PDB file of N, CA and C in Angstrom:
ATOM      1  N   UNK A   1     110.261  84.486 109.275  1.00  0.00           N
ATOM      2  CA  UNK A   1     110.080  83.275 108.548  1.00  0.00           C
ATOM      3  C   UNK A   1     110.634  83.386 107.138  1.00  0.00           C
ATOM      4  N   UNK A   2     110.707  82.279 106.497  1.00  0.00           N
ATOM      5  CA  UNK A   2     111.214  82.207 105.144  1.00  0.00           C
ATOM      6  C   UNK A   2     110.078  82.299 104.133  1.00  0.00           C
ATOM      7  N   UNK A   3     110.401  82.848 102.996  1.00  0.00           N
ATOM      8  CA  UNK A   3     109.481  82.828 101.871  1.00  0.00           C
ATOM      9  C   UNK A   3     110.302  82.551 100.621  1.00  0.00           C
ATOM     10  N   UNK A   4     109.634  82.243  99.549  1.00  0.00           N
ATOM     11  CA  UNK A   4     110.333  81.938  98.292  1.00  0.00           C
ATOM     12  C   UNK A   4     109.876  82.891  97.207  1.00  0.00           C
ATOM     13  N   UNK A   5     110.788  83.160  96.294  1.00  0.00           N
ATOM     14  CA  UNK A   5     110.449  83.934  95.105  1.00  0.00           C
ATOM     15  C   UNK A   5     110.840  83.101  93.897  1.00  0.00           C
ATOM     16  N   UNK A   6     110.203  83.384  92.788  1.00  0.00           N
ATOM     17  CA  UNK A   6     110.438  82.600  91.574  1.00  0.00           C
ATOM     18  C   UNK A   6     111.496  83.189  90.664  1.00  0.00           C
ATOM     19  N   UNK A   7     111.734  84.518  90.797  1.00  0.00           N
ATOM     20  CA  UNK A   7     112.679  85.148  89.876  1.00  0.00           C
ATOM     21  C   UNK A   7     113.219  86.444  90.484  1.00  0.00           C
ATOM     22  N   UNK A   8     114.122  87.084  89.771  1.00  0.00           N
ATOM     23  CA  UNK A   8     114.782  88.290  90.268  1.00  0.00           C
ATOM     24  C   UNK A   8     113.798  89.441  90.502  1.00  0.00           C
ATOM     25  N   UNK A   9     112.822  89.585  89.627  1.00  0.00           N
ATOM     26  CA  UNK A   9     111.837  90.661  89.803  1.00  0.00           C
ATOM     27  C   UNK A   9     111.036  90.460  91.083  1.00  0.00           C
ATOM     28  N   UNK A  10     110.628  89.222  91.346  1.00  0.00           N
ATOM     29  CA  UNK A  10     109.899  88.938  92.583  1.00  0.00           C
ATOM     30  C   UNK A  10     110.780  89.195  93.806  1.00  0.00           C
ATOM     31  N   UNK A  11     112.068  88.880  93.709  1.00  0.00           N
ATOM     32  CA  UNK A  11     112.999  89.165  94.805  1.00  0.00           C
ATOM     33  C   UNK A  11     113.061  90.667  95.064  1.00  0.00           C
ATOM     34  N   UNK A  12     113.197  91.450  94.005  1.00  0.00           N
ATOM     35  CA  UNK A  12     113.273  92.905  94.149  1.00  0.00           C
ATOM     36  C   UNK A  12     111.995  93.449  94.781  1.00  0.00           C
ATOM     37  N   UNK A  13     110.848  92.979  94.339  1.00  0.00           N
ATOM     38  CA  UNK A  13     109.574  93.440  94.878  1.00  0.00           C
ATOM     39  C   UNK A  13     109.456  93.087  96.364  1.00  0.00           C
ATOM     40  N   UNK A  14     109.834  91.871  96.720  1.00  0.00           N
ATOM     41  CA  UNK A  14     109.772  91.451  98.126  1.00  0.00           C
ATOM     42  C   UNK A  14     110.724  92.285  98.978  1.00  0.00           C
ATOM     43  N   UNK A  15     111.952  92.482  98.510  1.00  0.00           N
ATOM     44  CA  UNK A  15     112.936  93.271  99.258  1.00  0.00           C
ATOM     45  C   UNK A  15     112.453  94.710  99.425  1.00  0.00           C
ATOM     46  N   UNK A  16     111.943  95.290  98.361  1.00  0.00           N
ATOM     47  CA  UNK A  16     111.430  96.669  98.431  1.00  0.00           C
ATOM     48  C   UNK A  16     110.280  96.770  99.425  1.00  0.00           C
ATOM     49  N   UNK A  17     109.420  95.776  99.469  1.00  0.00           N
ATOM     50  CA  UNK A  17     108.304  95.784 100.416  1.00  0.00           C
ATOM     51  C   UNK A  17     108.771  95.702 101.862  1.00  0.00           C
ATOM     52  N   UNK A  18     109.734  94.834 102.114  1.00  0.00           N
ATOM     53  CA  UNK A  18     110.291  94.712 103.460  1.00  0.00           C
ATOM     54  C   UNK A  18     110.917  96.030 103.895  1.00  0.00           C
ATOM     55  N   UNK A  19     111.673  96.645 103.002  1.00  0.00           N
ATOM     56  CA  UNK A  19     112.356  97.894 103.359  1.00  0.00           C
ATOM     57  C   UNK A  19     111.383  99.058 103.499  1.00  0.00           C
ATOM     58  N   UNK A  20     110.317  99.095 102.703  1.00  0.00           N
ATOM     59  CA  UNK A  20     109.298 100.139 102.882  1.00  0.00           C
ATOM     60  C   UNK A  20     108.693 100.036 104.278  1.00  0.00           C
ATOM     61  N   UNK A  21     108.388  98.815 104.702  1.00  0.00           N
ATOM     62  CA  UNK A  21     107.823  98.611 106.040  1.00  0.00           C
ATOM     63  C   UNK A  21     108.827  99.020 107.114  1.00  0.00           C
ATOM     64  N   UNK A  22     110.072  98.669 106.925  1.00  0.00           N
ATOM     65  CA  UNK A  22     111.118  99.039 107.879  1.00  0.00           C
ATOM     66  C   UNK A  22     111.263 100.549 107.977  1.00  0.00           C
ATOM     67  N   UNK A  23     111.299 101.230 106.844  1.00  0.00           N
ATOM     68  CA  UNK A  23     111.452 102.685 106.840  1.00  0.00           C
ATOM     69  C   UNK A  23     110.246 103.390 107.465  1.00  0.00           C
ATOM     70  N   UNK A  24     109.097 102.754 107.452  1.00  0.00           N
ATOM     71  CA  UNK A  24     107.897 103.357 108.032  1.00  0.00           C
ATOM     72  C   UNK A  24     107.866 103.251 109.556  1.00  0.00           C
ATOM     73  N   UNK A  25     108.728 102.423 110.129  1.00  0.00           N
ATOM     74  CA  UNK A  25     108.751 102.233 111.585  1.00  0.00           C
ATOM     75  C   UNK A  25     109.564 103.337 112.253  1.00  0.00           C
ATOM     76  N   UNK A  26     108.966 103.981 113.218  1.00  0.00           N
ATOM     77  CA  UNK A  26     109.683 105.004 113.986  1.00  0.00           C
ATOM     78  C   UNK A  26     110.566 104.312 115.019  1.00  0.00           C
ATOM     79  N   UNK A  27     111.704 104.898 115.287  1.00  0.00           N
ATOM     80  CA  UNK A  27     112.561 104.381 116.339  1.00  0.00           C
ATOM     81  C   UNK A  27     113.543 103.313 115.901  1.00  0.00           C
ATOM     82  N   UNK A  28     113.501 102.896 114.668  1.00  0.00           N
ATOM     83  CA  UNK A  28     114.464 101.907 114.180  1.00  0.00           C
ATOM     84  C   UNK A  28     115.621 102.656 113.540  1.00  0.00           C
ATOM     85  N   UNK A  29     116.816 102.376 113.989  1.00  0.00           N
ATOM     86  CA  UNK A  29     117.988 103.083 113.492  1.00  0.00           C
ATOM     87  C   UNK A  29     118.752 102.299 112.434  1.00  0.00           C
ATOM     88  N   UNK A  30     118.455 101.029 112.256  1.00  0.00           N
ATOM     89  CA  UNK A  30     119.180 100.242 111.270  1.00  0.00           C
ATOM     90  C   UNK A  30     118.609  98.836 111.180  1.00  0.00           C
ATOM     91  N   UNK A  31     119.204  98.039 110.334  1.00  0.00           N
ATOM     92  CA  UNK A  31     118.774  96.657 110.174  1.00  0.00           C
ATOM     93  C   UNK A  31     119.953  95.852 109.649  1.00  0.00           C
ATOM     94  N   UNK A  32     119.817  94.542 109.685  1.00  0.00           N
ATOM     95  CA  UNK A  32     120.869  93.665 109.187  1.00  0.00           C
ATOM     96  C   UNK A  32     120.237  92.607 108.290  1.00  0.00           C
ATOM     97  N   UNK A  33     120.634  92.598 107.030  1.00  0.00           N
ATOM     98  CA  UNK A  33     120.204  91.539 106.108  1.00  0.00           C
ATOM     99  C   UNK A  33     121.268  90.459 106.241  1.00  0.00           C
ATOM    100  N   UNK A  34     120.931  89.340 106.829  1.00  0.00           N
ATOM    101  CA  UNK A  34     121.942  88.387 107.286  1.00  0.00           C
ATOM    102  C   UNK A  34     122.541  87.485 106.215  1.00  0.00           C
ATOM    103  N   UNK A  35     122.019  87.510 105.027  1.00  0.00           N
ATOM    104  CA  UNK A  35     122.601  86.637 104.008  1.00  0.00           C
ATOM    105  C   UNK A  35     122.821  87.415 102.723  1.00  0.00           C
ATOM    106  N   UNK A  36     123.985  88.035 102.624  1.00  0.00           N
ATOM    107  CA  UNK A  36     124.312  88.815 101.430  1.00  0.00           C
ATOM    108  C   UNK A  36     124.375  87.928 100.195  1.00  0.00           C
ATOM    109  N   UNK A  37     124.988  86.746 100.331  1.00  0.00           N
ATOM    110  CA  UNK A  37     125.148  85.857  99.174  1.00  0.00           C
ATOM    111  C   UNK A  37     124.499  84.499  99.428  1.00  0.00           C
ATOM    112  N   UNK A  38     124.159  83.830  98.348  1.00  0.00           N
ATOM    113  CA  UNK A  38     123.687  82.450  98.441  1.00  0.00           C
ATOM    114  C   UNK A  38     124.822  81.569  98.940  1.00  0.00           C
ATOM    115  N   UNK A  39     124.451  80.438  99.543  1.00  0.00           N
ATOM    116  CA  UNK A  39     125.432  79.429  99.943  1.00  0.00           C
ATOM    117  C   UNK A  39     125.010  78.112  99.298  1.00  0.00           C
ATOM    118  N   UNK A  40     125.736  77.062  99.582  1.00  0.00           N
ATOM    119  CA  UNK A  40     125.400  75.768  99.008  1.00  0.00           C
ATOM    120  C   UNK A  40     124.027  75.292  99.448  1.00  0.00           C
ATOM    121  N   UNK A  41     123.645  75.602 100.684  1.00  0.00           N
ATOM    122  CA  UNK A  41     122.371  75.090 101.182  1.00  0.00           C
ATOM    123  C   UNK A  41     121.263  76.135 101.279  1.00  0.00           C
ATOM    124  N   UNK A  42     121.582  77.407 101.176  1.00  0.00           N
ATOM    125  CA  UNK A  42     120.561  78.444 101.277  1.00  0.00           C
ATOM    126  C   UNK A  42     120.651  79.391 100.093  1.00  0.00           C
ATOM    127  N   UNK A  43     119.506  79.803  99.612  1.00  0.00           N
ATOM    128  CA  UNK A  43     119.426  80.661  98.427  1.00  0.00           C
ATOM    129  C   UNK A  43     118.702  81.961  98.742  1.00  0.00           C
ATOM    130  N   UNK A  44     119.015  82.558  99.879  1.00  0.00           N
ATOM    131  CA  UNK A  44     118.326  83.769 100.334  1.00  0.00           C
ATOM    132  C   UNK A  44     119.106  85.044 100.057  1.00  0.00           C
ATOM    133  N   UNK A  45     120.241  84.937  99.391  1.00  0.00           N
ATOM    134  CA  UNK A  45     121.106  86.092  99.214  1.00  0.00           C
ATOM    135  C   UNK A  45     120.623  87.090  98.174  1.00  0.00           C
ATOM    136  N   UNK A  46     121.163  88.292  98.298  1.00  0.00           N
ATOM    137  CA  UNK A  46     120.956  89.306  97.269  1.00  0.00           C
ATOM    138  C   UNK A  46     121.915  89.071  96.103  1.00  0.00           C
ATOM    139  N   UNK A  47     122.972  88.292  96.355  1.00  0.00           N
ATOM    140  CA  UNK A  47     123.956  87.919  95.335  1.00  0.00           C
ATOM    141  C   UNK A  47     123.974  86.402  95.200  1.00  0.00           C
ATOM    142  N   UNK A  48     124.381  85.923  94.044  1.00  0.00           N
ATOM    143  CA  UNK A  48     124.556  84.481  93.846  1.00  0.00           C
ATOM    144  C   UNK A  48     125.817  84.027  94.577  1.00  0.00           C
ATOM    145  N   UNK A  49     126.064  82.720  94.588  1.00  0.00           N
ATOM    146  CA  UNK A  49     127.307  82.207  95.187  1.00  0.00           C
ATOM    147  C   UNK A  49     128.535  82.776  94.481  1.00  0.00           C
ATOM    148  N   UNK A  50     128.395  83.106  93.216  1.00  0.00           N
ATOM    149  CA  UNK A  50     129.511  83.671  92.440  1.00  0.00           C
ATOM    150  C   UNK A  50     129.633  85.180  92.646  1.00  0.00           C
ATOM    151  N   UNK A  51     128.841  85.710  93.572  1.00  0.00           N
ATOM    152  CA  UNK A  51     128.841  87.140  93.938  1.00  0.00           C
ATOM    153  C   UNK A  51     128.315  88.037  92.821  1.00  0.00           C
ATOM    154  N   UNK A  52     127.413  87.497  92.010  1.00  0.00           N
ATOM    155  CA  UNK A  52     126.745  88.281  90.973  1.00  0.00           C
ATOM    156  C   UNK A  52     125.414  88.781  91.522  1.00  0.00           C
ATOM    157  N   UNK A  53     125.101  90.049  91.361  1.00  0.00           N
ATOM    158  CA  UNK A  53     123.827  90.562  91.864  1.00  0.00           C
ATOM    159  C   UNK A  53     122.644  89.878  91.178  1.00  0.00           C
ATOM    160  N   UNK A  54     121.650  89.502  91.961  1.00  0.00           N
ATOM    161  CA  UNK A  54     120.426  88.936  91.401  1.00  0.00           C
ATOM    162  C   UNK A  54     119.520  90.043  90.874  1.00  0.00           C
ATOM    163  N   UNK A  55     119.665  91.212  91.461  1.00  0.00           N
ATOM    164  CA  UNK A  55     118.881  92.397  91.118  1.00  0.00           C
ATOM    165  C   UNK A  55     119.896  93.519  90.939  1.00  0.00           C
ATOM    166  N   UNK A  56     119.671  94.471  90.040  1.00  0.00           N
ATOM    167  CA  UNK A  56     120.627  95.565  89.890  1.00  0.00           C
ATOM    168  C   UNK A  56     120.948  96.233  91.240  1.00  0.00           C
ATOM    169  N   UNK A  57     122.217  96.439  91.492  1.00  0.00           N
ATOM    170  CA  UNK A  57     122.661  97.016  92.763  1.00  0.00           C
ATOM    171  C   UNK A  57     122.015  98.369  93.032  1.00  0.00           C
ATOM    172  N   UNK A  58     121.802  99.163  92.004  1.00  0.00           N
ATOM    173  CA  UNK A  58     121.180 100.477  92.189  1.00  0.00           C
ATOM    174  C   UNK A  58     119.757 100.335  92.734  1.00  0.00           C
ATOM    175  N   UNK A  59     119.040  99.331  92.303  1.00  0.00           N
ATOM    176  CA  UNK A  59     117.666  99.119  92.781  1.00  0.00           C
ATOM    177  C   UNK A  59     117.678  98.691  94.250  1.00  0.00           C
ATOM    178  N   UNK A  60     118.607  97.815  94.607  1.00  0.00           N
ATOM    179  CA  UNK A  60     118.727  97.392  96.000  1.00  0.00           C
ATOM    180  C   UNK A  60     119.134  98.575  96.874  1.00  0.00           C
ATOM    181  N   UNK A  61     120.075  99.385  96.392  1.00  0.00           N
ATOM    182  CA  UNK A  61     120.528 100.555  97.156  1.00  0.00           C
ATOM    183  C   UNK A  61     119.384 101.535  97.380  1.00  0.00           C
ATOM    184  N   UNK A  62     118.595 101.772  96.357  1.00  0.00           N
ATOM    185  CA  UNK A  62     117.469 102.704  96.475  1.00  0.00           C
ATOM    186  C   UNK A  62     116.462 102.203  97.509  1.00  0.00           C
ATOM    187  N   UNK A  63     116.158 100.924  97.477  1.00  0.00           N
ATOM    188  CA  UNK A  63     115.222 100.356  98.451  1.00  0.00           C
ATOM    189  C   UNK A  63     115.810 100.415  99.858  1.00  0.00           C
ATOM    190  N   UNK A  64     117.097 100.138  99.979  1.00  0.00           N
ATOM    191  CA  UNK A  64     117.751 100.134 101.281  1.00  0.00           C
ATOM    192  C   UNK A  64     117.775 101.532 101.885  1.00  0.00           C
ATOM    193  N   UNK A  65     118.075 102.521 101.085  1.00  0.00           N
ATOM    194  CA  UNK A  65     118.131 103.902 101.585  1.00  0.00           C
ATOM    195  C   UNK A  65     116.755 104.458 101.900  1.00  0.00           C
ATOM    196  N   UNK A  66     115.756 104.061 101.141  1.00  0.00           N
ATOM    197  CA  UNK A  66     114.418 104.576 101.343  1.00  0.00           C
ATOM    198  C   UNK A  66     114.291 105.988 100.799  1.00  0.00           C
ATOM    199  N   UNK A  67     113.110 106.537 100.929  1.00  0.00           N
ATOM    200  CA  UNK A  67     112.885 107.905 100.477  1.00  0.00           C
ATOM    201  C   UNK A  67     113.551 108.848 101.465  1.00  0.00           C
ATOM    202  N   UNK A  68     114.341 109.743 100.953  1.00  0.00           N
ATOM    203  CA  UNK A  68     115.071 110.674 101.804  1.00  0.00           C
ATOM    204  C   UNK A  68     114.142 111.770 102.287  1.00  0.00           C
ATOM    205  N   UNK A  69     114.246 112.060 103.558  1.00  0.00           N
ATOM    206  CA  UNK A  69     113.448 113.124 104.154  1.00  0.00           C
ATOM    207  C   UNK A  69     114.356 114.317 104.425  1.00  0.00           C
ATOM    208  N   UNK A  70     113.862 115.493 104.158  1.00  0.00           N
ATOM    209  CA  UNK A  70     114.618 116.710 104.438  1.00  0.00           C
ATOM    210  C   UNK A  70     114.778 116.870 105.952  1.00  0.00           C
ATOM    211  N   UNK A  71     115.929 117.358 106.342  1.00  0.00           N
ATOM    212  CA  UNK A  71     116.176 117.628 107.762  1.00  0.00           C
ATOM    213  C   UNK A  71     116.641 119.071 107.912  1.00  0.00           C
ATOM    214  N   UNK A  72     116.559 119.580 109.114  1.00  0.00           N
ATOM    215  CA  UNK A  72     116.883 120.981 109.371  1.00  0.00           C
ATOM    216  C   UNK A  72     118.327 121.330 109.002  1.00  0.00           C
ATOM    217  N   UNK A  73     119.220 120.360 109.045  1.00  0.00           N
ATOM    218  CA  UNK A  73     120.627 120.630 108.801  1.00  0.00           C
ATOM    219  C   UNK A  73     121.015 120.527 107.330  1.00  0.00           C
ATOM    220  N   UNK A  74     120.057 120.251 106.458  1.00  0.00           N
ATOM    221  CA  UNK A  74     120.379 120.187 105.032  1.00  0.00           C
ATOM    222  C   UNK A  74     120.954 121.506 104.552  1.00  0.00           C
ATOM    223  N   UNK A  75     121.923 121.414 103.677  1.00  0.00           N
ATOM    224  CA  UNK A  75     122.546 122.604 103.105  1.00  0.00           C
ATOM    225  C   UNK A  75     121.702 123.091 101.932  1.00  0.00           C
ATOM    226  N   UNK A  76     121.500 124.372 101.854  1.00  0.00           N
ATOM    227  CA  UNK A  76     120.737 124.961 100.759  1.00  0.00           C
ATOM    228  C   UNK A  76     121.560 124.854  99.480  1.00  0.00           C
ATOM    229  N   UNK A  77     121.067 124.173  98.443  1.00  0.00           N
ATOM    230  CA  UNK A  77     121.843 124.018  97.198  1.00  0.00           C
ATOM    231  C   UNK A  77     122.048 125.324  96.461  1.00  0.00           C
ATOM    232  N   UNK A  78     121.302 126.369  96.792  1.00  0.00           N
ATOM    233  CA  UNK A  78     121.424 127.659  96.121  1.00  0.00           C
ATOM    234  C   UNK A  78     122.562 128.500  96.696  1.00  0.00           C
ATOM    235  N   UNK A  79     123.112 128.082  97.813  1.00  0.00           N
ATOM    236  CA  UNK A  79     124.161 128.881  98.472  1.00  0.00           C
ATOM    237  C   UNK A  79     125.517 128.478  97.960  1.00  0.00           C
TER     238      UNK A  79
END
């Protein structure tokens, strides 16, 4: 369903919450955010119609990536 936010901070908080829930789900390998930019009739994008970020790109990237978990194949930084 759709929801509304009043400003960029609320958008960031909502996006971070959605992605935290997604990252907590086992068995999900990916997701698709279907509206990267706003359009004339919809304002659900992470970017404005002029392709300007509504929220700093680094914050969106951090939420999208989630907290990184160590895996067995990680390279030892001391080597």
